[in-house]
């Protein structure tokens, strides 16, 4: 029993749940208090950025709609502008999202010379 408990504590260094981590009755008593539970969720920065790009797209579509109502843009041009706004908003969001995720966990760590 002591060897099993020691095995759990020394070999468990990764943030992944051990087998049967959801059932505390199967874990040794020393491990229950130090149980690590990882939940996957969308980072708050991605959610905030996505929301801001959504707002930007809606505002731009509103500007196209308003310009159509005032008669500054014809119906055909407004249709083209709607497509351009949607594609541009999605493209810039995708570029921003890729750039943010690229910097989230960099694979290469710089080596500084002194």
PDB file of N, CA and C in Angstrom:
ATOM      1  N   UNK A   1       0.834  -1.187   0.000  1.00  0.00           N
ATOM      2  CA  UNK A   1       0.000   0.000   0.000  1.00  0.00           C
ATOM      3  C   UNK A   1       0.883   1.257   0.000  1.00  0.00           C
ATOM      4  N   UNK A   2       1.916   1.262   0.809  1.00  0.00           N
ATOM      5  CA  UNK A   2       2.803   2.425   0.867  1.00  0.00           C
ATOM      6  C   UNK A   2       3.557   2.597  -0.453  1.00  0.00           C
ATOM      7  N   UNK A   3       3.958   1.467  -1.079  1.00  0.00           N
ATOM      8  CA  UNK A   3       4.672   1.542  -2.355  1.00  0.00           C
ATOM      9  C   UNK A   3       3.756   2.079  -3.453  1.00  0.00           C
ATOM     10  N   UNK A   4       2.499   1.671  -3.457  1.00  0.00           N
ATOM     11  CA  UNK A   4       1.534   2.156  -4.429  1.00  0.00           C
ATOM     12  C   UNK A   4       1.313   3.665  -4.257  1.00  0.00           C
ATOM     13  N   UNK A   5       1.188   4.098  -3.026  1.00  0.00           N
ATOM     14  CA  UNK A   5       0.997   5.515  -2.747  1.00  0.00           C
ATOM     15  C   UNK A   5       2.215   6.311  -3.211  1.00  0.00           C
ATOM     16  N   UNK A   6       3.409   5.807  -2.939  1.00  0.00           N
ATOM     17  CA  UNK A   6       4.637   6.481  -3.354  1.00  0.00           C
ATOM     18  C   UNK A   6       4.737   6.518  -4.882  1.00  0.00           C
ATOM     19  N   UNK A   7       4.291   5.427  -5.516  1.00  0.00           N
ATOM     20  CA  UNK A   7       4.308   5.364  -6.976  1.00  0.00           C
ATOM     21  C   UNK A   7       3.411   6.445  -7.579  1.00  0.00           C
ATOM     22  N   UNK A   8       2.232   6.629  -7.020  1.00  0.00           N
ATOM     23  CA  UNK A   8       1.321   7.673  -7.515  1.00  0.00           C
ATOM     24  C   UNK A   8       1.956   9.050  -7.370  1.00  0.00           C
ATOM     25  N   UNK A   9       2.592   9.310  -6.242  1.00  0.00           N
ATOM     26  CA  UNK A   9       3.107  10.644  -5.984  1.00  0.00           C
ATOM     27  C   UNK A   9       4.376  10.950  -6.769  1.00  0.00           C
ATOM     28  N   UNK A  10       5.237   9.976  -7.007  1.00  0.00           N
ATOM     29  CA  UNK A  10       6.481  10.257  -7.714  1.00  0.00           C
ATOM     30  C   UNK A  10       6.321  10.215  -9.225  1.00  0.00           C
ATOM     31  N   UNK A  11       5.502   9.328  -9.738  1.00  0.00           N
ATOM     32  CA  UNK A  11       5.367   9.200 -11.182  1.00  0.00           C
ATOM     33  C   UNK A  11       4.331  10.136 -11.777  1.00  0.00           C
ATOM     34  N   UNK A  12       3.548  10.756 -10.966  1.00  0.00           N
ATOM     35  CA  UNK A  12       2.505  11.637 -11.472  1.00  0.00           C
ATOM     36  C   UNK A  12       3.034  13.068 -11.517  1.00  0.00           C
ATOM     37  N   UNK A  13       3.664  13.416 -12.639  1.00  0.00           N
ATOM     38  CA  UNK A  13       4.181  14.777 -12.787  1.00  0.00           C
ATOM     39  C   UNK A  13       3.501  15.505 -13.924  1.00  0.00           C
ATOM     40  N   UNK A  14       2.762  14.807 -14.774  1.00  0.00           N
ATOM     41  CA  UNK A  14       2.093  15.479 -15.881  1.00  0.00           C
ATOM     42  C   UNK A  14       0.734  15.987 -15.407  1.00  0.00           C
ATOM     43  N   UNK A  15       0.210  17.033 -16.092  1.00  0.00           N
ATOM     44  CA  UNK A  15      -1.080  17.579 -15.675  1.00  0.00           C
ATOM     45  C   UNK A  15      -2.272  16.766 -16.155  1.00  0.00           C
ATOM     46  N   UNK A  16      -2.068  15.537 -16.574  1.00  0.00           N
ATOM     47  CA  UNK A  16      -3.157  14.680 -17.049  1.00  0.00           C
ATOM     48  C   UNK A  16      -3.712  13.906 -15.867  1.00  0.00           C
ATOM     49  N   UNK A  17      -4.991  13.690 -15.873  1.00  0.00           N
ATOM     50  CA  UNK A  17      -5.619  12.977 -14.767  1.00  0.00           C
ATOM     51  C   UNK A  17      -5.147  11.522 -14.718  1.00  0.00           C
ATOM     52  N   UNK A  18      -4.950  10.988 -13.528  1.00  0.00           N
ATOM     53  CA  UNK A  18      -4.629   9.570 -13.413  1.00  0.00           C
ATOM     54  C   UNK A  18      -5.873   8.737 -13.706  1.00  0.00           C
ATOM     55  N   UNK A  19      -5.711   7.441 -13.911  1.00  0.00           N
ATOM     56  CA  UNK A  19      -6.893   6.604 -14.144  1.00  0.00           C
ATOM     57  C   UNK A  19      -7.858   6.692 -12.971  1.00  0.00           C
ATOM     58  N   UNK A  20      -9.118   6.746 -13.256  1.00  0.00           N
ATOM     59  CA  UNK A  20     -10.185   6.813 -12.248  1.00  0.00           C
ATOM     60  C   UNK A  20     -10.070   8.047 -11.352  1.00  0.00           C
ATOM     61  N   UNK A  21      -9.586   9.172 -11.899  1.00  0.00           N
ATOM     62  CA  UNK A  21      -9.459  10.383 -11.085  1.00  0.00           C
ATOM     63  C   UNK A  21     -10.823  10.946 -10.693  1.00  0.00           C
ATOM     64  N   UNK A  22     -11.855  10.619 -11.463  1.00  0.00           N
ATOM     65  CA  UNK A  22     -13.186  11.111 -11.150  1.00  0.00           C
ATOM     66  C   UNK A  22     -13.786  10.374  -9.953  1.00  0.00           C
ATOM     67  N   UNK A  23     -13.260   9.196  -9.636  1.00  0.00           N
ATOM     68  CA  UNK A  23     -13.761   8.413  -8.514  1.00  0.00           C
ATOM     69  C   UNK A  23     -12.711   8.423  -7.413  1.00  0.00           C
ATOM     70  N   UNK A  24     -12.869   9.308  -6.427  1.00  0.00           N
ATOM     71  CA  UNK A  24     -11.865   9.470  -5.375  1.00  0.00           C
ATOM     72  C   UNK A  24     -11.741   8.240  -4.486  1.00  0.00           C
ATOM     73  N   UNK A  25     -12.745   7.355  -4.489  1.00  0.00           N
ATOM     74  CA  UNK A  25     -12.681   6.177  -3.621  1.00  0.00           C
ATOM     75  C   UNK A  25     -11.617   5.187  -4.087  1.00  0.00           C
ATOM     76  N   UNK A  26     -11.202   5.235  -5.368  1.00  0.00           N
ATOM     77  CA  UNK A  26     -10.199   4.299  -5.855  1.00  0.00           C
ATOM     78  C   UNK A  26      -8.775   4.829  -5.703  1.00  0.00           C
ATOM     79  N   UNK A  27      -8.611   6.093  -5.323  1.00  0.00           N
ATOM     80  CA  UNK A  27      -7.282   6.666  -5.177  1.00  0.00           C
ATOM     81  C   UNK A  27      -6.751   6.436  -3.766  1.00  0.00           C
ATOM     82  N   UNK A  28      -5.440   6.342  -3.631  1.00  0.00           N
ATOM     83  CA  UNK A  28      -4.870   6.236  -2.283  1.00  0.00           C
ATOM     84  C   UNK A  28      -5.162   7.516  -1.495  1.00  0.00           C
ATOM     85  N   UNK A  29      -5.267   7.426  -0.162  1.00  0.00           N
ATOM     86  CA  UNK A  29      -5.625   8.602   0.648  1.00  0.00           C
ATOM     87  C   UNK A  29      -4.657   9.776   0.473  1.00  0.00           C
ATOM     88  N   UNK A  30      -3.374   9.506   0.311  1.00  0.00           N
ATOM     89  CA  UNK A  30      -2.416  10.602   0.182  1.00  0.00           C
ATOM     90  C   UNK A  30      -2.576  11.342  -1.142  1.00  0.00           C
ATOM     91  N   UNK A  31      -3.173  10.708  -2.121  1.00  0.00           N
ATOM     92  CA  UNK A  31      -3.296  11.319  -3.439  1.00  0.00           C
ATOM     93  C   UNK A  31      -4.580  12.133  -3.587  1.00  0.00           C
ATOM     94  N   UNK A  32      -5.570  11.864  -2.764  1.00  0.00           N
ATOM     95  CA  UNK A  32      -6.862  12.531  -2.911  1.00  0.00           C
ATOM     96  C   UNK A  32      -6.729  14.039  -2.733  1.00  0.00           C
ATOM     97  N   UNK A  33      -5.943  14.463  -1.772  1.00  0.00           N
ATOM     98  CA  UNK A  33      -5.833  15.897  -1.517  1.00  0.00           C
ATOM     99  C   UNK A  33      -5.030  16.613  -2.598  1.00  0.00           C
ATOM    100  N   UNK A  34      -4.158  15.885  -3.319  1.00  0.00           N
ATOM    101  CA  UNK A  34      -3.339  16.539  -4.337  1.00  0.00           C
ATOM    102  C   UNK A  34      -3.801  16.199  -5.750  1.00  0.00           C
ATOM    103  N   UNK A  35      -5.055  15.792  -5.901  1.00  0.00           N
ATOM    104  CA  UNK A  35      -5.593  15.420  -7.202  1.00  0.00           C
ATOM    105  C   UNK A  35      -5.658  16.648  -8.110  1.00  0.00           C
ATOM    106  N   UNK A  36      -5.186  16.502  -9.345  1.00  0.00           N
ATOM    107  CA  UNK A  36      -5.199  17.585 -10.311  1.00  0.00           C
ATOM    108  C   UNK A  36      -6.271  17.280 -11.346  1.00  0.00           C
ATOM    109  N   UNK A  37      -7.171  18.220 -11.549  1.00  0.00           N
ATOM    110  CA  UNK A  37      -8.225  18.048 -12.536  1.00  0.00           C
ATOM    111  C   UNK A  37      -8.052  19.143 -13.580  1.00  0.00           C
ATOM    112  N   UNK A  38      -7.914  18.741 -14.817  1.00  0.00           N
ATOM    113  CA  UNK A  38      -7.734  19.675 -15.918  1.00  0.00           C
ATOM    114  C   UNK A  38      -9.046  19.769 -16.690  1.00  0.00           C
ATOM    115  N   UNK A  39      -9.490  20.974 -16.922  1.00  0.00           N
ATOM    116  CA  UNK A  39     -10.664  21.178 -17.766  1.00  0.00           C
ATOM    117  C   UNK A  39     -10.232  21.964 -18.992  1.00  0.00           C
ATOM    118  N   UNK A  40     -10.765  21.575 -20.133  1.00  0.00           N
ATOM    119  CA  UNK A  40     -10.435  22.283 -21.360  1.00  0.00           C
ATOM    120  C   UNK A  40     -11.502  23.337 -21.609  1.00  0.00           C
ATOM    121  N   UNK A  41     -11.049  24.542 -21.891  1.00  0.00           N
ATOM    122  CA  UNK A  41     -11.984  25.614 -22.198  1.00  0.00           C
ATOM    123  C   UNK A  41     -11.326  26.563 -23.187  1.00  0.00           C
ATOM    124  N   UNK A  42     -12.118  27.429 -23.757  1.00  0.00           N
ATOM    125  CA  UNK A  42     -11.599  28.425 -24.683  1.00  0.00           C
ATOM    126  C   UNK A  42     -10.946  29.528 -23.865  1.00  0.00           C
ATOM    127  N   UNK A  43      -9.702  29.913 -24.204  1.00  0.00           N
ATOM    128  CA  UNK A  43      -9.059  30.997 -23.451  1.00  0.00           C
ATOM    129  C   UNK A  43      -9.886  32.282 -23.530  1.00  0.00           C
ATOM    130  N   UNK A  44      -9.895  33.036 -22.454  1.00  0.00           N
ATOM    131  CA  UNK A  44     -10.724  34.242 -22.400  1.00  0.00           C
ATOM    132  C   UNK A  44     -10.303  35.267 -23.445  1.00  0.00           C
ATOM    133  N   UNK A  45      -9.010  35.305 -23.796  1.00  0.00           N
ATOM    134  CA  UNK A  45      -8.554  36.260 -24.805  1.00  0.00           C
ATOM    135  C   UNK A  45      -9.147  35.938 -26.176  1.00  0.00           C
ATOM    136  N   UNK A  46      -9.245  34.655 -26.498  1.00  0.00           N
ATOM    137  CA  UNK A  46      -9.843  34.244 -27.776  1.00  0.00           C
ATOM    138  C   UNK A  46     -11.330  34.604 -27.789  1.00  0.00           C
ATOM    139  N   UNK A  47     -12.011  34.363 -26.692  1.00  0.00           N
ATOM    140  CA  UNK A  47     -13.435  34.695 -26.617  1.00  0.00           C
ATOM    141  C   UNK A  47     -13.644  36.208 -26.741  1.00  0.00           C
ATOM    142  N   UNK A  48     -12.815  36.993 -26.068  1.00  0.00           N
ATOM    143  CA  UNK A  48     -12.938  38.449 -26.141  1.00  0.00           C
ATOM    144  C   UNK A  48     -12.645  38.958 -27.548  1.00  0.00           C
ATOM    145  N   UNK A  49     -11.559  38.471 -28.161  1.00  0.00           N
ATOM    146  CA  UNK A  49     -11.215  38.888 -29.513  1.00  0.00           C
ATOM    147  C   UNK A  49     -12.278  38.503 -30.523  1.00  0.00           C
ATOM    148  N   UNK A  50     -12.829  37.311 -30.382  1.00  0.00           N
ATOM    149  CA  UNK A  50     -13.888  36.861 -31.279  1.00  0.00           C
ATOM    150  C   UNK A  50     -15.119  37.746 -31.141  1.00  0.00           C
ATOM    151  N   UNK A  51     -15.455  38.081 -29.904  1.00  0.00           N
ATOM    152  CA  UNK A  51     -16.599  38.967 -29.663  1.00  0.00           C
ATOM    153  C   UNK A  51     -16.357  40.344 -30.290  1.00  0.00           C
ATOM    154  N   UNK A  52     -15.135  40.883 -30.165  1.00  0.00           N
ATOM    155  CA  UNK A  52     -14.827  42.192 -30.744  1.00  0.00           C
ATOM    156  C   UNK A  52     -14.885  42.154 -32.271  1.00  0.00           C
ATOM    157  N   UNK A  53     -14.389  41.091 -32.882  1.00  0.00           N
ATOM    158  CA  UNK A  53     -14.489  40.966 -34.345  1.00  0.00           C
ATOM    159  C   UNK A  53     -15.938  40.801 -34.787  1.00  0.00           C
ATOM    160  N   UNK A  54     -16.744  40.121 -33.986  1.00  0.00           N
ATOM    161  CA  UNK A  54     -18.167  39.999 -34.294  1.00  0.00           C
ATOM    162  C   UNK A  54     -18.837  41.371 -34.264  1.00  0.00           C
ATOM    163  N   UNK A  55     -18.508  42.159 -33.246  1.00  0.00           N
ATOM    164  CA  UNK A  55     -19.053  43.526 -33.142  1.00  0.00           C
ATOM    165  C   UNK A  55     -18.597  44.357 -34.339  1.00  0.00           C
ATOM    166  N   UNK A  56     -17.303  44.242 -34.703  1.00  0.00           N
ATOM    167  CA  UNK A  56     -16.785  44.989 -35.846  1.00  0.00           C
ATOM    168  C   UNK A  56     -17.540  44.628 -37.126  1.00  0.00           C
ATOM    169  N   UNK A  57     -17.776  43.343 -37.359  1.00  0.00           N
ATOM    170  CA  UNK A  57     -18.513  42.910 -38.537  1.00  0.00           C
ATOM    171  C   UNK A  57     -19.938  43.435 -38.562  1.00  0.00           C
ATOM    172  N   UNK A  58     -20.596  43.414 -37.418  1.00  0.00           N
ATOM    173  CA  UNK A  58     -21.972  43.906 -37.349  1.00  0.00           C
ATOM    174  C   UNK A  58     -22.011  45.411 -37.603  1.00  0.00           C
ATOM    175  N   UNK A  59     -21.059  46.153 -37.045  1.00  0.00           N
ATOM    176  CA  UNK A  59     -21.012  47.607 -37.267  1.00  0.00           C
ATOM    177  C   UNK A  59     -20.785  47.907 -38.750  1.00  0.00           C
ATOM    178  N   UNK A  60     -19.848  47.195 -39.370  1.00  0.00           N
ATOM    179  CA  UNK A  60     -19.587  47.433 -40.789  1.00  0.00           C
ATOM    180  C   UNK A  60     -20.790  47.068 -41.657  1.00  0.00           C
ATOM    181  N   UNK A  61     -21.465  45.974 -41.336  1.00  0.00           N
ATOM    182  CA  UNK A  61     -22.686  45.629 -42.075  1.00  0.00           C
ATOM    183  C   UNK A  61     -23.770  46.678 -41.863  1.00  0.00           C
ATOM    184  N   UNK A  62     -23.825  47.246 -40.659  1.00  0.00           N
ATOM    185  CA  UNK A  62     -24.773  48.332 -40.386  1.00  0.00           C
ATOM    186  C   UNK A  62     -24.454  49.569 -41.207  1.00  0.00           C
ATOM    187  N   UNK A  63     -23.163  49.868 -41.380  1.00  0.00           N
ATOM    188  CA  UNK A  63     -22.779  51.010 -42.220  1.00  0.00           C
ATOM    189  C   UNK A  63     -23.172  50.795 -43.680  1.00  0.00           C
ATOM    190  N   UNK A  64     -22.996  49.571 -44.157  1.00  0.00           N
ATOM    191  CA  UNK A  64     -23.413  49.269 -45.534  1.00  0.00           C
ATOM    192  C   UNK A  64     -24.927  49.412 -45.663  1.00  0.00           C
ATOM    193  N   UNK A  65     -25.653  48.900 -44.668  1.00  0.00           N
ATOM    194  CA  UNK A  65     -27.112  49.002 -44.693  1.00  0.00           C
ATOM    195  C   UNK A  65     -27.557  50.463 -44.645  1.00  0.00           C
ATOM    196  N   UNK A  66     -26.906  51.250 -43.789  1.00  0.00           N
ATOM    197  CA  UNK A  66     -27.265  52.681 -43.679  1.00  0.00           C
ATOM    198  C   UNK A  66     -26.962  53.423 -44.978  1.00  0.00           C
ATOM    199  N   UNK A  67     -25.844  53.092 -45.608  1.00  0.00           N
ATOM    200  CA  UNK A  67     -25.527  53.767 -46.868  1.00  0.00           C
ATOM    201  C   UNK A  67     -26.498  53.350 -47.976  1.00  0.00           C
ATOM    202  N   UNK A  68     -27.026  52.156 -47.883  1.00  0.00           N
ATOM    203  CA  UNK A  68     -28.034  51.701 -48.853  1.00  0.00           C
ATOM    204  C   UNK A  68     -29.338  52.453 -48.632  1.00  0.00           C
ATOM    205  N   UNK A  69     -29.702  52.671 -47.363  1.00  0.00           N
ATOM    206  CA  UNK A  69     -30.943  53.393 -47.058  1.00  0.00           C
ATOM    207  C   UNK A  69     -30.869  54.849 -47.493  1.00  0.00           C
ATOM    208  N   UNK A  70     -29.712  55.458 -47.372  1.00  0.00           N
ATOM    209  CA  UNK A  70     -29.572  56.870 -47.759  1.00  0.00           C
ATOM    210  C   UNK A  70     -29.446  57.036 -49.263  1.00  0.00           C
ATOM    211  N   UNK A  71     -29.229  55.971 -49.999  1.00  0.00           N
ATOM    212  CA  UNK A  71     -29.142  56.041 -51.449  1.00  0.00           C
ATOM    213  C   UNK A  71     -27.742  56.310 -51.972  1.00  0.00           C
ATOM    214  N   UNK A  72     -26.751  56.283 -51.103  1.00  0.00           N
ATOM    215  CA  UNK A  72     -25.375  56.513 -51.553  1.00  0.00           C
ATOM    216  C   UNK A  72     -24.820  55.304 -52.307  1.00  0.00           C
ATOM    217  N   UNK A  73     -25.389  54.130 -52.057  1.00  0.00           N
ATOM    218  CA  UNK A  73     -24.908  52.898 -52.684  1.00  0.00           C
ATOM    219  C   UNK A  73     -26.098  52.206 -53.337  1.00  0.00           C
ATOM    220  N   UNK A  74     -25.878  51.679 -54.533  1.00  0.00           N
ATOM    221  CA  UNK A  74     -26.951  50.945 -55.209  1.00  0.00           C
ATOM    222  C   UNK A  74     -27.123  49.567 -54.569  1.00  0.00           C
ATOM    223  N   UNK A  75     -28.216  48.895 -54.913  1.00  0.00           N
ATOM    224  CA  UNK A  75     -28.468  47.567 -54.331  1.00  0.00           C
ATOM    225  C   UNK A  75     -27.374  46.576 -54.717  1.00  0.00           C
ATOM    226  N   UNK A  76     -26.936  46.608 -55.968  1.00  0.00           N
ATOM    227  CA  UNK A  76     -25.875  45.686 -56.402  1.00  0.00           C
ATOM    228  C   UNK A  76     -24.576  45.943 -55.658  1.00  0.00           C
ATOM    229  N   UNK A  77     -24.232  47.200 -55.514  1.00  0.00           N
ATOM    230  CA  UNK A  77     -23.004  47.529 -54.788  1.00  0.00           C
ATOM    231  C   UNK A  77     -23.114  47.197 -53.304  1.00  0.00           C
ATOM    232  N   UNK A  78     -24.305  47.348 -52.736  1.00  0.00           N
ATOM    233  CA  UNK A  78     -24.508  46.993 -51.334  1.00  0.00           C
ATOM    234  C   UNK A  78     -24.364  45.488 -51.136  1.00  0.00           C
ATOM    235  N   UNK A  79     -24.853  44.708 -52.089  1.00  0.00           N
ATOM    236  CA  UNK A  79     -24.691  43.248 -52.013  1.00  0.00           C
ATOM    237  C   UNK A  79     -23.215  42.866 -52.052  1.00  0.00           C
ATOM    238  N   UNK A  80     -22.483  43.511 -52.955  1.00  0.00           N
ATOM    239  CA  UNK A  80     -21.044  43.232 -53.043  1.00  0.00           C
ATOM    240  C   UNK A  80     -20.344  43.669 -51.759  1.00  0.00           C
ATOM    241  N   UNK A  81     -20.725  44.832 -51.217  1.00  0.00           N
ATOM    242  CA  UNK A  81     -20.117  45.334 -49.987  1.00  0.00           C
ATOM    243  C   UNK A  81     -20.399  44.390 -48.812  1.00  0.00           C
ATOM    244  N   UNK A  82     -21.598  43.820 -48.760  1.00  0.00           N
ATOM    245  CA  UNK A  82     -21.921  42.870 -47.684  1.00  0.00           C
ATOM    246  C   UNK A  82     -21.001  41.650 -47.747  1.00  0.00           C
ATOM    247  N   UNK A  83     -20.782  41.129 -48.944  1.00  0.00           N
ATOM    248  CA  UNK A  83     -19.900  39.967 -49.101  1.00  0.00           C
ATOM    249  C   UNK A  83     -18.469  40.334 -48.710  1.00  0.00           C
ATOM    250  N   UNK A  84     -18.015  41.515 -49.154  1.00  0.00           N
ATOM    251  CA  UNK A  84     -16.656  41.960 -48.840  1.00  0.00           C
ATOM    252  C   UNK A  84     -16.481  42.123 -47.327  1.00  0.00           C
ATOM    253  N   UNK A  85     -17.464  42.714 -46.661  1.00  0.00           N
ATOM    254  CA  UNK A  85     -17.372  42.920 -45.210  1.00  0.00           C
ATOM    255  C   UNK A  85     -17.301  41.581 -44.481  1.00  0.00           C
ATOM    256  N   UNK A  86     -18.143  40.639 -44.868  1.00  0.00           N
ATOM    257  CA  UNK A  86     -18.142  39.329 -44.191  1.00  0.00           C
ATOM    258  C   UNK A  86     -16.816  38.610 -44.414  1.00  0.00           C
ATOM    259  N   UNK A  87     -16.350  38.565 -45.653  1.00  0.00           N
ATOM    260  CA  UNK A  87     -15.087  37.871 -45.945  1.00  0.00           C
ATOM    261  C   UNK A  87     -13.915  38.562 -45.258  1.00  0.00           C
ATOM    262  N   UNK A  88     -13.881  39.893 -45.275  1.00  0.00           N
ATOM    263  CA  UNK A  88     -12.787  40.627 -44.643  1.00  0.00           C
ATOM    264  C   UNK A  88     -12.782  40.437 -43.133  1.00  0.00           C
ATOM    265  N   UNK A  89     -13.950  40.443 -42.516  1.00  0.00           N
ATOM    266  CA  UNK A  89     -14.029  40.258 -41.064  1.00  0.00           C
ATOM    267  C   UNK A  89     -13.574  38.855 -40.670  1.00  0.00           C
ATOM    268  N   UNK A  90     -14.025  37.848 -41.377  1.00  0.00           N
ATOM    269  CA  UNK A  90     -13.617  36.476 -41.072  1.00  0.00           C
ATOM    270  C   UNK A  90     -12.121  36.290 -41.323  1.00  0.00           C
ATOM    271  N   UNK A  91     -11.614  36.857 -42.396  1.00  0.00           N
ATOM    272  CA  UNK A  91     -10.189  36.707 -42.718  1.00  0.00           C
ATOM    273  C   UNK A  91      -9.301  37.382 -41.685  1.00  0.00           C
ATOM    274  N   UNK A  92      -9.650  38.603 -41.285  1.00  0.00           N
ATOM    275  CA  UNK A  92      -8.822  39.289 -40.285  1.00  0.00           C
ATOM    276  C   UNK A  92      -8.929  38.610 -38.932  1.00  0.00           C
ATOM    277  N   UNK A  93     -10.127  38.097 -38.585  1.00  0.00           N
ATOM    278  CA  UNK A  93     -10.242  37.353 -37.326  1.00  0.00           C
ATOM    279  C   UNK A  93      -9.372  36.091 -37.360  1.00  0.00           C
ATOM    280  N   UNK A  94      -9.401  35.376 -38.469  1.00  0.00           N
ATOM    281  CA  UNK A  94      -8.608  34.154 -38.585  1.00  0.00           C
ATOM    282  C   UNK A  94      -7.118  34.464 -38.501  1.00  0.00           C
ATOM    283  N   UNK A  95      -6.673  35.533 -39.137  1.00  0.00           N
ATOM    284  CA  UNK A  95      -5.273  35.923 -39.057  1.00  0.00           C
ATOM    285  C   UNK A  95      -4.891  36.290 -37.628  1.00  0.00           C
ATOM    286  N   UNK A  96      -5.744  37.075 -36.966  1.00  0.00           N
ATOM    287  CA  UNK A  96      -5.469  37.442 -35.577  1.00  0.00           C
ATOM    288  C   UNK A  96      -5.432  36.202 -34.675  1.00  0.00           C
ATOM    289  N   UNK A  97      -6.381  35.292 -34.864  1.00  0.00           N
ATOM    290  CA  UNK A  97      -6.451  34.080 -34.040  1.00  0.00           C
ATOM    291  C   UNK A  97      -5.202  33.219 -34.227  1.00  0.00           C
ATOM    292  N   UNK A  98      -4.754  33.060 -35.462  1.00  0.00           N
ATOM    293  CA  UNK A  98      -3.532  32.284 -35.720  1.00  0.00           C
ATOM    294  C   UNK A  98      -2.313  32.955 -35.101  1.00  0.00           C
ATOM    295  N   UNK A  99      -2.219  34.279 -35.213  1.00  0.00           N
ATOM    296  CA  UNK A  99      -1.092  35.003 -34.617  1.00  0.00           C
ATOM    297  C   UNK A  99      -1.120  34.881 -33.097  1.00  0.00           C
ATOM    298  N   UNK A 100      -2.304  34.964 -32.492  1.00  0.00           N
ATOM    299  CA  UNK A 100      -2.405  34.847 -31.034  1.00  0.00           C
ATOM    300  C   UNK A 100      -2.018  33.441 -30.582  1.00  0.00           C
ATOM    301  N   UNK A 101      -2.516  32.418 -31.269  1.00  0.00           N
ATOM    302  CA  UNK A 101      -2.192  31.052 -30.866  1.00  0.00           C
ATOM    303  C   UNK A 101      -0.723  30.718 -31.105  1.00  0.00           C
ATOM    304  N   UNK A 102      -0.135  31.341 -32.118  1.00  0.00           N
ATOM    305  CA  UNK A 102       1.289  31.115 -32.375  1.00  0.00           C
ATOM    306  C   UNK A 102       2.130  31.626 -31.212  1.00  0.00           C
ATOM    307  N   UNK A 103       1.699  32.681 -30.566  1.00  0.00           N
ATOM    308  CA  UNK A 103       2.458  33.255 -29.450  1.00  0.00           C
ATOM    309  C   UNK A 103       2.043  32.687 -28.100  1.00  0.00           C
ATOM    310  N   UNK A 104       1.005  31.869 -28.069  1.00  0.00           N
ATOM    311  CA  UNK A 104       0.486  31.349 -26.809  1.00  0.00           C
ATOM    312  C   UNK A 104       1.492  30.424 -26.141  1.00  0.00           C
ATOM    313  N   UNK A 105       1.968  29.407 -26.839  1.00  0.00           N
ATOM    314  CA  UNK A 105       2.973  28.479 -26.344  1.00  0.00           C
ATOM    315  C   UNK A 105       4.056  28.340 -27.402  1.00  0.00           C
ATOM    316  N   UNK A 106       5.037  29.246 -27.411  1.00  0.00           N
ATOM    317  CA  UNK A 106       6.062  29.168 -28.466  1.00  0.00           C
ATOM    318  C   UNK A 106       6.871  27.880 -28.376  1.00  0.00           C
ATOM    319  N   UNK A 107       7.197  27.312 -29.538  1.00  0.00           N
ATOM    320  CA  UNK A 107       7.966  26.073 -29.575  1.00  0.00           C
ATOM    321  C   UNK A 107       9.468  26.334 -29.469  1.00  0.00           C
ATOM    322  N   UNK A 108       9.895  27.485 -29.935  1.00  0.00           N
ATOM    323  CA  UNK A 108      11.311  27.808 -29.927  1.00  0.00           C
ATOM    324  C   UNK A 108      11.565  28.838 -28.834  1.00  0.00           C
ATOM    325  N   UNK A 109      12.505  28.547 -27.960  1.00  0.00           N
ATOM    326  CA  UNK A 109      12.867  29.489 -26.903  1.00  0.00           C
ATOM    327  C   UNK A 109      14.174  30.148 -27.307  1.00  0.00           C
ATOM    328  N   UNK A 110      14.225  31.484 -27.288  1.00  0.00           N
ATOM    329  CA  UNK A 110      15.458  32.159 -27.712  1.00  0.00           C
ATOM    330  C   UNK A 110      16.596  31.908 -26.743  1.00  0.00           C
ATOM    331  N   UNK A 111      17.794  31.834 -27.277  1.00  0.00           N
ATOM    332  CA  UNK A 111      19.005  31.697 -26.471  1.00  0.00           C
ATOM    333  C   UNK A 111      19.732  33.034 -26.529  1.00  0.00           C
ATOM    334  N   UNK A 112      19.848  33.692 -25.399  1.00  0.00           N
ATOM    335  CA  UNK A 112      20.496  34.991 -25.348  1.00  0.00           C
ATOM    336  C   UNK A 112      21.971  34.830 -25.047  1.00  0.00           C
ATOM    337  N   UNK A 113      22.782  35.527 -25.805  1.00  0.00           N
ATOM    338  CA  UNK A 113      24.219  35.525 -25.540  1.00  0.00           C
ATOM    339  C   UNK A 113      24.552  36.693 -24.664  1.00  0.00           C
ATOM    340  N   UNK A 114      25.440  36.466 -23.717  1.00  0.00           N
ATOM    341  CA  UNK A 114      25.800  37.555 -22.804  1.00  0.00           C
ATOM    342  C   UNK A 114      27.057  38.244 -23.234  1.00  0.00           C
TER     343      UNK A 114
END
